Structure formats: structure tokens, C-alpha cells
Amino acid sequence: MTQQPFSRPGAIDLSALKRPAAPSPAPGAGAPAGAAGGGIASYALEVTEQNFQEVIERSMTAPVLLVLFSRSRMPESGQLADDLATLSGEFEGRFLAGLVDVDAAPQIAQAMQVQSIPLVVAILDGRPAPLLQDVVPLEELRTALTQVMQQLATQGMTARHQPLSGAAPAAAGEGDEEAVDPRYAAAEDALAANDFDGAVAEYQKLVTANPADAEAAAGLAMAKVLQRTQGVDPAAARAAADGAPDELDAQTLVADLDLLEGRVDEAFGRLVELVRRSSGDERNAAREHLLGLFAAVGNEDPRVLKGRQSLASALF
């Protein structure tokens, strides 16, 4: 398989494909997948041509992350699948991990026009988007998924999957309240209710209690962006910024709007240029605002790394 991007838009449907008549499924196919170390993952399952559509339909509740791999052709891609299954348990239902062995289920790879492995595809409301096309270490994968889940939470997407049937039962004495990490629940509930002031307050509590909590810091930064832009007329804000290219408040507000609209590079570039042109307190304020946008996007994002380089050039 050559390295080419996965770009098929729209929902995935295997109904038009002719199913093989006889081969029996691989042992355990369609059942909860074994996580690394042999334990049963409550939120991961092996995906076959028979249960594929059902797995896609689960994305109507909460995200499904499909990982397509081949242990025979690329053993490290199998490790990526194992790591995703492990993390699905850590995230406790915020996504369902669907493990697609392309050797056992070639028609799935064909239907999705997969031309390279590994490939991780995020499915939300039945629609796919490529997420990852490389083998990455577990910690890097955990960081990336934390950022993805945080971004979805800022859009009010906070639903969780229920544990799959056949998953290991809770140990005796474990209550349901221990099944979900409650740290971010209040902030996520506030975001879902468009209570951005409340979300900022809840995330700030978490950051104050633990400054090393990267997820809380990213959540706080994004909640502040949403707080600053709530009720803003984008057209009026952009007109004001066009008329006052050196006005700090006007430029930072439009940078926030750019970020929310997905124009991340434009948001960063606007503030880098403002830093370059300004001085004193205004320069420092523009820099601090830009650092907040970096935190909202995630420090491991390539666009943030590029933005930091541009900021350093503007400062020095």
C-alpha cells in the first residue's frame, strides 16, 4: 500500500458490496476486543464485514474511532490497534474503538478506499474524517485523542458510549459513580449548555488545583475563546478589525473568530503580525493572547509548532 490520503466524503455503506458466502469469522470477531495484556476492553471491538454498519451507527451516539491495521504486513500497526483499545478504556466511553484487520475484512478497506495502513478514522454521525496515518507512541496517541475529545466537548458533544456487552464486570464493591472520571463532568456540562462563564470557572478550578493537567488547561483556553466570542456579530467584528489593523481588541477578537471557524493559521498569523508591529504592553498582550490560542488548539499540533516559530521570529 502506498502512502496516499484517505479522502472519501460522506457516510460509509457496505450494502452494495457482495458479501463472501462461506468463510466463518475469525475467532472472537465482533466481540469486545482484548486490550493489551489480555484484558477485555469495555469500549473496543473487532469490526467485521457483518457488524460494520452497526458499528458505524453507534457513531450517532458518540464518536467511533476505526483503526485499520495488518499484523502480518505491518506488525507495528497492530500495536497501534492495541493502544487504541487500551485508551478507549481510559476515556471511558468518550469514543468507541473499532479494530479493523484489513486482512480479515478486506471489503471494509475497499469500501473506505484505504490505500495505506495504519489509518485511524474518526466517525461522527456516520461521517468519516481521517485522523491519523502513522504509528505513534502510546503517550503521543493519548495526547492527540485528549485534544480531539476536548475540541468535541467545546462543541457540546459530550455523550458517551455504554460499555459493550461481554465486557468485564466491575469488581465487587465498585459503584457506578466510579465508572466515569468526574473531573471534567461539570465543565463539559456547562459547555453543552452554552454556559461558557460556568465552563471557564470549572476549568479554572481544575487548573488551579493541578497546573500540570494539560486537558484542563486546553479546556480552559478554549472555553475562554467561546466566552469572548459569545454574542459577537462576526461581520461587524471583521469590519472593525479591517478598519483598525493595529487595534488590539479588534484584532484579538477576530483571531478568536478565525480559530472557531477553523482558520487556525489565519488566527495565528493575524496575532503574529500584530506582535511584530506593536510594542510595550500591547505587544505583550497580543503575545499572551496568542499563547492562549496555542493552548486551545494543543501544543502538539503542527500548526502550533509553526506558529511558535513565527512568534519567536516576530519577537526577536
C-alpha atoms as a PDB file:
ATOM      1  CA  MET A   1       0.000   0.000   0.000  1.00  0.00           C
ATOM      2  CA  THR A   2       1.309   3.427  -0.896  1.00  0.00           C
ATOM      3  CA  GLN A   3       1.039   6.477   1.298  1.00  0.00           C
ATOM      4  CA  GLN A   4      -1.980   8.347  -0.029  1.00  0.00           C
ATOM      5  CA  PRO A   5      -4.574  10.322   1.886  1.00  0.00           C
ATOM      6  CA  PHE A   6      -7.967   8.921   2.712  1.00  0.00           C
ATOM      7  CA  SER A   7     -10.439  11.389   1.264  1.00  0.00           C
ATOM      8  CA  ARG A   8     -13.755   9.654   0.693  1.00  0.00           C
ATOM      9  CA  PRO A   9     -16.515  12.013   1.898  1.00  0.00           C
ATOM     10  CA  GLY A  10     -19.919  11.126   3.259  1.00  0.00           C
ATOM     11  CA  ALA A  11     -21.302   8.142   5.101  1.00  0.00           C
ATOM     12  CA  ILE A  12     -19.829   4.693   4.590  1.00  0.00           C
ATOM     13  CA  ASP A  13     -22.112   1.970   3.301  1.00  0.00           C
ATOM     14  CA  LEU A  14     -21.205  -1.648   2.616  1.00  0.00           C
ATOM     15  CA  SER A  15     -24.694  -2.627   1.484  1.00  0.00           C
ATOM     16  CA  ALA A  16     -23.772  -2.550  -2.192  1.00  0.00           C
ATOM     17  CA  LEU A  17     -20.854  -4.907  -1.740  1.00  0.00           C
ATOM     18  CA  LYS A  18     -21.281  -8.596  -2.339  1.00  0.00           C
ATOM     19  CA  ARG A  19     -20.640 -10.439   0.908  1.00  0.00           C
ATOM     20  CA  PRO A  20     -18.454 -13.564   0.811  1.00  0.00           C
ATOM     21  CA  ALA A  21     -20.641 -16.638   1.016  1.00  0.00           C
ATOM     22  CA  ALA A  22     -18.871 -19.003   3.280  1.00  0.00           C
ATOM     23  CA  PRO A  23     -15.849 -18.042   5.352  1.00  0.00           C
ATOM     24  CA  SER A  24     -16.546 -18.096   9.031  1.00  0.00           C
ATOM     25  CA  PRO A  25     -15.475 -15.103  11.085  1.00  0.00           C
ATOM     26  CA  ALA A  26     -12.173 -15.083  12.849  1.00  0.00           C
ATOM     27  CA  PRO A  27     -12.264 -16.230  16.462  1.00  0.00           C
ATOM     28  CA  GLY A  28     -13.789 -13.510  18.607  1.00  0.00           C
ATOM     29  CA  ALA A  29     -14.777 -11.355  15.622  1.00  0.00           C
ATOM     30  CA  GLY A  30     -17.399  -8.849  16.564  1.00  0.00           C
ATOM     31  CA  ALA A  31     -16.848  -9.399  20.266  1.00  0.00           C
ATOM     32  CA  PRO A  32     -15.200  -6.948  22.638  1.00  0.00           C
ATOM     33  CA  ALA A  33     -11.535  -6.837  21.715  1.00  0.00           C
ATOM     34  CA  GLY A  34      -8.816  -7.880  24.092  1.00  0.00           C
ATOM     35  CA  ALA A  35      -6.822  -4.930  25.248  1.00  0.00           C
ATOM     36  CA  ALA A  36      -3.084  -5.036  25.696  1.00  0.00           C
ATOM     37  CA  GLY A  37      -2.240  -7.534  28.367  1.00  0.00           C
ATOM     38  CA  GLY A  38      -5.189  -9.775  27.579  1.00  0.00           C
ATOM     39  CA  GLY A  39      -7.892  -7.885  29.485  1.00  0.00           C
ATOM     40  CA  ILE A  40     -11.273  -7.170  27.933  1.00  0.00           C
ATOM     41  CA  ALA A  41     -11.779  -3.631  26.700  1.00  0.00           C
ATOM     42  CA  SER A  42     -15.203  -2.275  27.572  1.00  0.00           C
ATOM     43  CA  TYR A  43     -15.221   0.180  24.677  1.00  0.00           C
ATOM     44  CA  ALA A  44     -13.383  -1.659  21.897  1.00  0.00           C
ATOM     45  CA  LEU A  45     -14.484  -4.349  19.487  1.00  0.00           C
ATOM     46  CA  GLU A  46     -13.274  -6.198  16.423  1.00  0.00           C
ATOM     47  CA  VAL A  47     -15.054  -4.936  13.309  1.00  0.00           C
ATOM     48  CA  THR A  48     -16.104  -7.395  10.612  1.00  0.00           C
ATOM     49  CA  GLU A  49     -17.957  -7.032   7.347  1.00  0.00           C
ATOM     50  CA  GLN A  50     -21.017  -8.362   9.173  1.00  0.00           C
ATOM     51  CA  ASN A  51     -21.090  -5.855  12.055  1.00  0.00           C
ATOM     52  CA  PHE A  52     -19.531  -2.885  10.252  1.00  0.00           C
ATOM     53  CA  GLN A  53     -22.758  -0.985   9.619  1.00  0.00           C
ATOM     54  CA  GLU A  54     -23.838  -1.477  13.222  1.00  0.00           C
ATOM     55  CA  VAL A  55     -20.534  -0.026  14.413  1.00  0.00           C
ATOM     56  CA  ILE A  56     -20.994   2.997  12.144  1.00  0.00           C
ATOM     57  CA  GLU A  57     -24.495   3.513  13.535  1.00  0.00           C
ATOM     58  CA  ARG A  58     -23.008   3.703  17.026  1.00  0.00           C
ATOM     59  CA  SER A  59     -21.344   6.962  15.932  1.00  0.00           C
ATOM     60  CA  MET A  60     -24.771   8.593  16.118  1.00  0.00           C
ATOM     61  CA  THR A  61     -24.400   8.422  19.907  1.00  0.00           C
ATOM     62  CA  ALA A  62     -20.729   9.297  20.393  1.00  0.00           C
ATOM     63  CA  PRO A  63     -17.558   9.165  18.265  1.00  0.00           C
ATOM     64  CA  VAL A  64     -16.266   5.902  16.826  1.00  0.00           C
ATOM     65  CA  LEU A  65     -12.567   5.652  16.004  1.00  0.00           C
ATOM     66  CA  LEU A  66     -11.794   2.995  13.414  1.00  0.00           C
ATOM     67  CA  VAL A  67      -8.213   1.774  13.231  1.00  0.00           C
ATOM     68  CA  LEU A  68      -7.316  -0.217  10.127  1.00  0.00           C
ATOM     69  CA  PHE A  69      -4.257  -2.406  10.544  1.00  0.00           C
ATOM     70  CA  SER A  70      -2.487  -5.572   9.440  1.00  0.00           C
ATOM     71  CA  ARG A  71      -0.319  -7.512  11.864  1.00  0.00           C
ATOM     72  CA  SER A  72       1.095  -9.622   9.033  1.00  0.00           C
ATOM     73  CA  ARG A  73       2.110  -6.770   6.747  1.00  0.00           C
ATOM     74  CA  MET A  74       2.932  -4.150   9.383  1.00  0.00           C
ATOM     75  CA  PRO A  75       3.202  -5.520  12.932  1.00  0.00           C
ATOM     76  CA  GLU A  76       3.546  -2.065  14.447  1.00  0.00           C
ATOM     77  CA  SER A  77       0.114  -1.182  13.077  1.00  0.00           C
ATOM     78  CA  GLY A  78      -1.246  -3.982  15.264  1.00  0.00           C
ATOM     79  CA  GLN A  79       0.348  -2.315  18.272  1.00  0.00           C
ATOM     80  CA  LEU A  80      -1.432   0.911  17.341  1.00  0.00           C
ATOM     81  CA  ALA A  81      -4.728  -1.007  17.371  1.00  0.00           C
ATOM     82  CA  ASP A  82      -3.897  -2.438  20.794  1.00  0.00           C
ATOM     83  CA  ASP A  83      -3.037   1.024  22.106  1.00  0.00           C
ATOM     84  CA  LEU A  84      -6.286   2.487  20.794  1.00  0.00           C
ATOM     85  CA  ALA A  85      -8.215  -0.300  22.527  1.00  0.00           C
ATOM     86  CA  THR A  86      -6.374   0.443  25.764  1.00  0.00           C
ATOM     87  CA  LEU A  87      -7.104   4.161  25.527  1.00  0.00           C
ATOM     88  CA  SER A  88     -10.773   3.520  24.795  1.00  0.00           C
ATOM     89  CA  GLY A  89     -10.972   2.142  28.322  1.00  0.00           C
ATOM     90  CA  GLU A  90      -9.122   5.117  29.775  1.00  0.00           C
ATOM     91  CA  PHE A  91     -11.524   7.535  28.068  1.00  0.00           C
ATOM     92  CA  GLU A  92     -14.438   5.542  29.490  1.00  0.00           C
ATOM     93  CA  GLY A  93     -16.865   5.732  26.612  1.00  0.00           C
ATOM     94  CA  ARG A  94     -15.993   9.086  25.104  1.00  0.00           C
ATOM     95  CA  PHE A  95     -15.202   7.075  21.973  1.00  0.00           C
ATOM     96  CA  LEU A  96     -15.640   3.514  20.785  1.00  0.00           C
ATOM     97  CA  ALA A  97     -12.568   1.841  19.257  1.00  0.00           C
ATOM     98  CA  GLY A  98     -13.354  -0.265  16.186  1.00  0.00           C
ATOM     99  CA  LEU A  99     -10.463  -2.561  15.250  1.00  0.00           C
ATOM    100  CA  VAL A 100     -10.415  -3.433  11.541  1.00  0.00           C
ATOM    101  CA  ASP A 101      -7.945  -6.133  10.483  1.00  0.00           C
ATOM    102  CA  VAL A 102      -7.750  -5.429   6.757  1.00  0.00           C
ATOM    103  CA  ASP A 103      -6.569  -8.980   6.070  1.00  0.00           C
ATOM    104  CA  ALA A 104      -9.658 -10.461   7.730  1.00  0.00           C
ATOM    105  CA  ALA A 105     -12.043  -7.778   6.418  1.00  0.00           C
ATOM    106  CA  PRO A 106     -10.682  -6.610   3.035  1.00  0.00           C
ATOM    107  CA  GLN A 107     -14.056  -5.315   1.857  1.00  0.00           C
ATOM    108  CA  ILE A 108     -14.083  -2.691   4.594  1.00  0.00           C
ATOM    109  CA  ALA A 109     -10.735  -1.369   3.392  1.00  0.00           C
ATOM    110  CA  GLN A 110     -12.033  -1.426  -0.190  1.00  0.00           C
ATOM    111  CA  ALA A 111     -15.237   0.415   0.706  1.00  0.00           C
ATOM    112  CA  MET A 112     -13.281   3.115   2.540  1.00  0.00           C
ATOM    113  CA  GLN A 113     -10.739   3.370  -0.295  1.00  0.00           C
ATOM    114  CA  VAL A 114      -7.904   2.723   2.145  1.00  0.00           C
ATOM    115  CA  GLN A 115      -4.545   2.853   0.395  1.00  0.00           C
ATOM    116  CA  SER A 116      -2.171   2.831   3.348  1.00  0.00           C
ATOM    117  CA  ILE A 117      -2.007   1.390   6.824  1.00  0.00           C
ATOM    118  CA  PRO A 118      -2.234   2.160   9.607  1.00  0.00           C
ATOM    119  CA  LEU A 119      -5.181   4.506   9.322  1.00  0.00           C
ATOM    120  CA  VAL A 120      -7.320   5.886  12.135  1.00  0.00           C
ATOM    121  CA  VAL A 121     -10.627   7.382  11.013  1.00  0.00           C
ATOM    122  CA  ALA A 122     -12.977   9.320  13.264  1.00  0.00           C
ATOM    123  CA  ILE A 123     -16.665   8.622  12.592  1.00  0.00           C
ATOM    124  CA  LEU A 124     -19.211  11.085  13.928  1.00  0.00           C
ATOM    125  CA  ASP A 125     -22.892  10.927  12.975  1.00  0.00           C
ATOM    126  CA  GLY A 126     -21.984   8.346  10.343  1.00  0.00           C
ATOM    127  CA  ARG A 127     -19.480  10.597   8.592  1.00  0.00           C
ATOM    128  CA  PRO A 128     -15.745   9.777   8.410  1.00  0.00           C
ATOM    129  CA  ALA A 129     -12.736  12.035   8.731  1.00  0.00           C
ATOM    130  CA  PRO A 130      -9.102  10.845   8.651  1.00  0.00           C
ATOM    131  CA  LEU A 131      -7.420  11.359  11.997  1.00  0.00           C
ATOM    132  CA  LEU A 132      -4.051   9.598  11.888  1.00  0.00           C
ATOM    133  CA  GLN A 133      -1.969   7.789   9.266  1.00  0.00           C
ATOM    134  CA  ASP A 134       1.157   6.959  11.219  1.00  0.00           C
ATOM    135  CA  VAL A 135       2.192   4.682  14.056  1.00  0.00           C
ATOM    136  CA  VAL A 136       2.739   6.869  17.115  1.00  0.00           C
ATOM    137  CA  PRO A 137       3.799   6.052  20.687  1.00  0.00           C
ATOM    138  CA  LEU A 138       1.072   5.479  23.255  1.00  0.00           C
ATOM    139  CA  GLU A 139       1.689   8.765  25.069  1.00  0.00           C
ATOM    140  CA  GLU A 140       1.520  10.767  21.847  1.00  0.00           C
ATOM    141  CA  LEU A 141      -1.686   8.973  20.879  1.00  0.00           C
ATOM    142  CA  ARG A 142      -3.167   9.715  24.302  1.00  0.00           C
ATOM    143  CA  THR A 143      -2.323  13.419  23.929  1.00  0.00           C
ATOM    144  CA  ALA A 144      -3.803  13.607  20.430  1.00  0.00           C
ATOM    145  CA  LEU A 145      -7.044  11.920  21.475  1.00  0.00           C
ATOM    146  CA  THR A 146      -7.324  14.153  24.528  1.00  0.00           C
ATOM    147  CA  GLN A 147      -7.202  17.171  22.233  1.00  0.00           C
ATOM    148  CA  VAL A 148      -9.771  15.703  19.851  1.00  0.00           C
ATOM    149  CA  MET A 149     -12.193  14.858  22.649  1.00  0.00           C
ATOM    150  CA  GLN A 150     -11.699  18.299  24.164  1.00  0.00           C
ATOM    151  CA  GLN A 151     -12.498  20.012  20.880  1.00  0.00           C
ATOM    152  CA  LEU A 152     -15.666  17.937  20.546  1.00  0.00           C
ATOM    153  CA  ALA A 153     -16.655  18.847  24.090  1.00  0.00           C
ATOM    154  CA  THR A 154     -16.400  22.556  23.259  1.00  0.00           C
ATOM    155  CA  GLN A 155     -18.967  21.909  20.531  1.00  0.00           C
ATOM    156  CA  GLY A 156     -21.332  20.325  23.033  1.00  0.00           C
ATOM    157  CA  MET A 157     -20.541  16.735  22.004  1.00  0.00           C
ATOM    158  CA  THR A 158     -20.203  15.124  25.418  1.00  0.00           C
ATOM    159  CA  ALA A 159     -22.230  11.905  25.085  1.00  0.00           C
ATOM    160  CA  ARG A 160     -20.575   8.604  25.964  1.00  0.00           C
ATOM    161  CA  HIS A 161     -20.943   5.034  24.781  1.00  0.00           C
ATOM    162  CA  GLN A 162     -22.228   2.402  27.161  1.00  0.00           C
ATOM    163  CA  PRO A 163     -19.815  -0.467  27.930  1.00  0.00           C
ATOM    164  CA  LEU A 164     -20.112  -3.248  25.383  1.00  0.00           C
ATOM    165  CA  SER A 165     -21.899  -6.420  26.342  1.00  0.00           C
ATOM    166  CA  GLY A 166     -19.403  -9.072  27.369  1.00  0.00           C
ATOM    167  CA  ALA A 167     -17.104  -6.556  28.976  1.00  0.00           C
ATOM    168  CA  ALA A 168     -15.544  -7.446  32.285  1.00  0.00           C
ATOM    169  CA  PRO A 169     -17.921  -6.640  35.149  1.00  0.00           C
ATOM    170  CA  ALA A 170     -16.928  -4.152  37.799  1.00  0.00           C
ATOM    171  CA  ALA A 171     -15.196  -5.563  40.811  1.00  0.00           C
ATOM    172  CA  ALA A 172     -17.331  -6.197  43.864  1.00  0.00           C
ATOM    173  CA  GLY A 173     -17.954  -3.034  45.803  1.00  0.00           C
ATOM    174  CA  GLU A 174     -17.331  -0.721  42.838  1.00  0.00           C
ATOM    175  CA  GLY A 175     -20.209   1.692  42.348  1.00  0.00           C
ATOM    176  CA  ASP A 176     -21.377   3.205  39.081  1.00  0.00           C
ATOM    177  CA  GLU A 177     -20.055   6.573  40.159  1.00  0.00           C
ATOM    178  CA  GLU A 178     -16.517   5.211  39.801  1.00  0.00           C
ATOM    179  CA  ALA A 179     -17.064   4.165  36.192  1.00  0.00           C
ATOM    180  CA  VAL A 180     -16.634   7.696  34.836  1.00  0.00           C
ATOM    181  CA  ASP A 181     -13.872  10.124  35.715  1.00  0.00           C
ATOM    182  CA  PRO A 182     -15.799  13.072  37.187  1.00  0.00           C
ATOM    183  CA  ARG A 183     -13.059  15.664  36.842  1.00  0.00           C
ATOM    184  CA  TYR A 184     -14.341  17.259  33.664  1.00  0.00           C
ATOM    185  CA  ALA A 185     -18.052  16.496  34.013  1.00  0.00           C
ATOM    186  CA  ALA A 186     -19.089  19.893  35.392  1.00  0.00           C
ATOM    187  CA  ALA A 187     -17.113  21.804  32.761  1.00  0.00           C
ATOM    188  CA  GLU A 188     -18.416  19.621  29.938  1.00  0.00           C
ATOM    189  CA  ASP A 189     -21.981  20.017  31.170  1.00  0.00           C
ATOM    190  CA  ALA A 190     -21.531  23.781  31.194  1.00  0.00           C
ATOM    191  CA  LEU A 191     -20.183  23.730  27.640  1.00  0.00           C
ATOM    192  CA  ALA A 192     -23.093  21.595  26.478  1.00  0.00           C
ATOM    193  CA  ALA A 193     -25.478  24.183  27.976  1.00  0.00           C
ATOM    194  CA  ASN A 194     -23.579  27.067  26.323  1.00  0.00           C
ATOM    195  CA  ASP A 195     -22.736  28.317  29.808  1.00  0.00           C
ATOM    196  CA  PHE A 196     -19.255  29.464  28.891  1.00  0.00           C
ATOM    197  CA  ASP A 197     -18.786  31.509  32.078  1.00  0.00           C
ATOM    198  CA  GLY A 198     -19.511  28.363  34.078  1.00  0.00           C
ATOM    199  CA  ALA A 199     -17.156  26.300  31.912  1.00  0.00           C
ATOM    200  CA  VAL A 200     -14.344  28.814  32.436  1.00  0.00           C
ATOM    201  CA  ALA A 201     -14.925  28.725  36.192  1.00  0.00           C
ATOM    202  CA  GLU A 202     -14.928  24.918  36.339  1.00  0.00           C
ATOM    203  CA  TYR A 203     -11.809  24.524  34.204  1.00  0.00           C
ATOM    204  CA  GLN A 204     -10.061  27.235  36.224  1.00  0.00           C
ATOM    205  CA  LYS A 205     -10.688  25.236  39.404  1.00  0.00           C
ATOM    206  CA  LEU A 206      -9.034  22.218  37.813  1.00  0.00           C
ATOM    207  CA  VAL A 207      -6.029  24.181  36.562  1.00  0.00           C
ATOM    208  CA  THR A 208      -5.586  25.876  39.940  1.00  0.00           C
ATOM    209  CA  ALA A 209      -5.675  22.517  41.685  1.00  0.00           C
ATOM    210  CA  ASN A 210      -3.316  20.872  39.191  1.00  0.00           C
ATOM    211  CA  PRO A 211      -1.389  23.200  36.830  1.00  0.00           C
ATOM    212  CA  ALA A 212       0.042  20.122  35.075  1.00  0.00           C
ATOM    213  CA  ASP A 213      -3.420  18.971  33.914  1.00  0.00           C
ATOM    214  CA  ALA A 214      -2.982  19.518  30.167  1.00  0.00           C
ATOM    215  CA  GLU A 215      -6.573  18.625  29.319  1.00  0.00           C
ATOM    216  CA  ALA A 216      -7.953  21.117  31.821  1.00  0.00           C
ATOM    217  CA  ALA A 217      -5.588  23.824  30.559  1.00  0.00           C
ATOM    218  CA  ALA A 218      -6.673  23.236  26.961  1.00  0.00           C
ATOM    219  CA  GLY A 219     -10.310  23.225  28.027  1.00  0.00           C
ATOM    220  CA  LEU A 220      -9.873  26.495  29.909  1.00  0.00           C
ATOM    221  CA  ALA A 221      -8.232  28.135  26.902  1.00  0.00           C
ATOM    222  CA  MET A 222     -10.992  27.046  24.518  1.00  0.00           C
ATOM    223  CA  ALA A 223     -13.749  27.964  26.973  1.00  0.00           C
ATOM    224  CA  LYS A 224     -12.264  31.469  27.187  1.00  0.00           C
ATOM    225  CA  VAL A 225     -12.377  31.751  23.391  1.00  0.00           C
ATOM    226  CA  LEU A 226     -16.041  30.772  23.435  1.00  0.00           C
ATOM    227  CA  GLN A 227     -16.699  33.181  26.305  1.00  0.00           C
ATOM    228  CA  ARG A 228     -15.080  36.113  24.488  1.00  0.00           C
ATOM    229  CA  THR A 229     -16.975  35.493  21.243  1.00  0.00           C
ATOM    230  CA  GLN A 230     -20.415  34.774  22.692  1.00  0.00           C
ATOM    231  CA  GLY A 231     -22.984  37.081  21.129  1.00  0.00           C
ATOM    232  CA  VAL A 232     -20.456  38.719  18.790  1.00  0.00           C
ATOM    233  CA  ASP A 233     -21.536  39.711  15.289  1.00  0.00           C
ATOM    234  CA  PRO A 234     -18.737  38.246  13.120  1.00  0.00           C
ATOM    235  CA  ALA A 235     -19.327  40.596  10.182  1.00  0.00           C
ATOM    236  CA  ALA A 236     -19.216  43.682  12.407  1.00  0.00           C
ATOM    237  CA  ALA A 237     -16.132  42.392  14.225  1.00  0.00           C
ATOM    238  CA  ARG A 238     -14.289  41.780  10.973  1.00  0.00           C
ATOM    239  CA  ALA A 239     -15.238  45.187   9.612  1.00  0.00           C
ATOM    240  CA  ALA A 240     -13.918  46.820  12.777  1.00  0.00           C
ATOM    241  CA  ALA A 241     -10.654  44.887  12.536  1.00  0.00           C
ATOM    242  CA  ASP A 242     -10.217  45.797   8.870  1.00  0.00           C
ATOM    243  CA  GLY A 243     -10.597  49.460   9.794  1.00  0.00           C
ATOM    244  CA  ALA A 244      -8.172  49.295  12.721  1.00  0.00           C
ATOM    245  CA  PRO A 245      -5.336  46.901  11.879  1.00  0.00           C
ATOM    246  CA  ASP A 246      -3.342  47.904  14.961  1.00  0.00           C
ATOM    247  CA  GLU A 247      -6.214  47.892  17.455  1.00  0.00           C
ATOM    248  CA  LEU A 248      -5.500  45.146  19.987  1.00  0.00           C
ATOM    249  CA  ASP A 249      -9.076  44.314  20.998  1.00  0.00           C
ATOM    250  CA  ALA A 250     -10.359  44.296  17.417  1.00  0.00           C
ATOM    251  CA  GLN A 251      -7.578  42.029  16.155  1.00  0.00           C
ATOM    252  CA  THR A 252      -7.682  39.557  19.048  1.00  0.00           C
ATOM    253  CA  LEU A 253     -11.459  39.209  18.720  1.00  0.00           C
ATOM    254  CA  VAL A 254     -11.213  38.334  15.034  1.00  0.00           C
ATOM    255  CA  ALA A 255      -8.376  35.912  15.792  1.00  0.00           C
ATOM    256  CA  ASP A 256     -10.781  34.158  18.186  1.00  0.00           C
ATOM    257  CA  LEU A 257     -13.432  34.025  15.465  1.00  0.00           C
ATOM    258  CA  ASP A 258     -10.908  32.659  12.968  1.00  0.00           C
ATOM    259  CA  LEU A 259      -9.992  29.900  15.403  1.00  0.00           C
ATOM    260  CA  LEU A 260     -13.605  28.865  15.961  1.00  0.00           C
ATOM    261  CA  GLU A 261     -14.238  28.837  12.215  1.00  0.00           C
ATOM    262  CA  GLY A 262     -11.297  26.506  11.626  1.00  0.00           C
ATOM    263  CA  ARG A 263      -8.970  29.134  10.145  1.00  0.00           C
ATOM    264  CA  VAL A 264      -6.259  28.323  12.635  1.00  0.00           C
ATOM    265  CA  ASP A 265      -3.287  29.501  10.576  1.00  0.00           C
ATOM    266  CA  GLU A 266      -5.060  32.815   9.864  1.00  0.00           C
ATOM    267  CA  ALA A 267      -5.765  33.308  13.574  1.00  0.00           C
ATOM    268  CA  PHE A 268      -2.123  32.715  14.452  1.00  0.00           C
ATOM    269  CA  GLY A 269      -0.814  34.802  11.565  1.00  0.00           C
ATOM    270  CA  ARG A 270      -3.004  37.778  12.482  1.00  0.00           C
ATOM    271  CA  LEU A 271      -1.618  37.897  16.006  1.00  0.00           C
ATOM    272  CA  VAL A 272       1.969  37.215  14.980  1.00  0.00           C
ATOM    273  CA  GLU A 273       1.821  40.249  12.703  1.00  0.00           C
ATOM    274  CA  LEU A 274       0.255  42.313  15.489  1.00  0.00           C
ATOM    275  CA  VAL A 275       3.129  41.320  17.773  1.00  0.00           C
ATOM    276  CA  ARG A 276       5.580  42.265  15.036  1.00  0.00           C
ATOM    277  CA  ARG A 277       4.048  45.742  14.612  1.00  0.00           C
ATOM    278  CA  SER A 278       3.359  46.598  18.259  1.00  0.00           C
ATOM    279  CA  SER A 279       5.462  47.315  21.327  1.00  0.00           C
ATOM    280  CA  GLY A 280       5.284  47.584  25.089  1.00  0.00           C
ATOM    281  CA  ASP A 281       2.163  46.423  26.909  1.00  0.00           C
ATOM    282  CA  GLU A 282       0.159  45.954  23.714  1.00  0.00           C
ATOM    283  CA  ARG A 283       2.815  43.693  22.288  1.00  0.00           C
ATOM    284  CA  ASN A 284       2.862  41.596  25.433  1.00  0.00           C
ATOM    285  CA  ALA A 285      -0.946  41.395  25.483  1.00  0.00           C
ATOM    286  CA  ALA A 286      -1.011  40.219  21.864  1.00  0.00           C
ATOM    287  CA  ARG A 287       1.634  37.615  22.650  1.00  0.00           C
ATOM    288  CA  GLU A 288      -0.291  36.354  25.697  1.00  0.00           C
ATOM    289  CA  HIS A 289      -3.483  36.105  23.674  1.00  0.00           C
ATOM    290  CA  LEU A 290      -1.678  34.113  21.010  1.00  0.00           C
ATOM    291  CA  LEU A 291      -0.268  31.748  23.623  1.00  0.00           C
ATOM    292  CA  GLY A 292      -3.828  31.171  24.809  1.00  0.00           C
ATOM    293  CA  LEU A 293      -4.878  30.202  21.290  1.00  0.00           C
ATOM    294  CA  PHE A 294      -1.914  27.828  21.083  1.00  0.00           C
ATOM    295  CA  ALA A 295      -3.150  26.147  24.268  1.00  0.00           C
ATOM    296  CA  ALA A 296      -6.689  25.882  22.892  1.00  0.00           C
ATOM    297  CA  VAL A 297      -5.504  24.103  19.753  1.00  0.00           C
ATOM    298  CA  GLY A 298      -2.957  21.899  21.544  1.00  0.00           C
ATOM    299  CA  ASN A 299       0.787  22.236  21.857  1.00  0.00           C
ATOM    300  CA  GLU A 300       1.490  19.103  19.795  1.00  0.00           C
ATOM    301  CA  ASP A 301      -0.464  20.369  16.773  1.00  0.00           C
ATOM    302  CA  PRO A 302       1.881  21.079  13.803  1.00  0.00           C
ATOM    303  CA  ARG A 303       0.148  24.433  13.263  1.00  0.00           C
ATOM    304  CA  VAL A 304       1.022  25.431  16.814  1.00  0.00           C
ATOM    305  CA  LEU A 305       4.651  24.414  16.335  1.00  0.00           C
ATOM    306  CA  LYS A 306       4.775  26.525  13.178  1.00  0.00           C
ATOM    307  CA  GLY A 307       3.030  29.400  14.972  1.00  0.00           C
ATOM    308  CA  ARG A 308       5.559  29.303  17.798  1.00  0.00           C
ATOM    309  CA  GLN A 309       8.384  29.564  15.300  1.00  0.00           C
ATOM    310  CA  SER A 310       6.701  32.562  13.677  1.00  0.00           C
ATOM    311  CA  LEU A 311       6.141  34.186  17.072  1.00  0.00           C
ATOM    312  CA  ALA A 312       9.796  33.754  18.010  1.00  0.00           C
ATOM    313  CA  SER A 313      10.796  35.372  14.732  1.00  0.00           C
ATOM    314  CA  ALA A 314       8.445  38.287  15.381  1.00  0.00           C
ATOM    315  CA  LEU A 315       9.783  38.800  18.896  1.00  0.00           C
ATOM    316  CA  PHE A 316      13.460  38.532  18.075  1.00  0.00           C
END
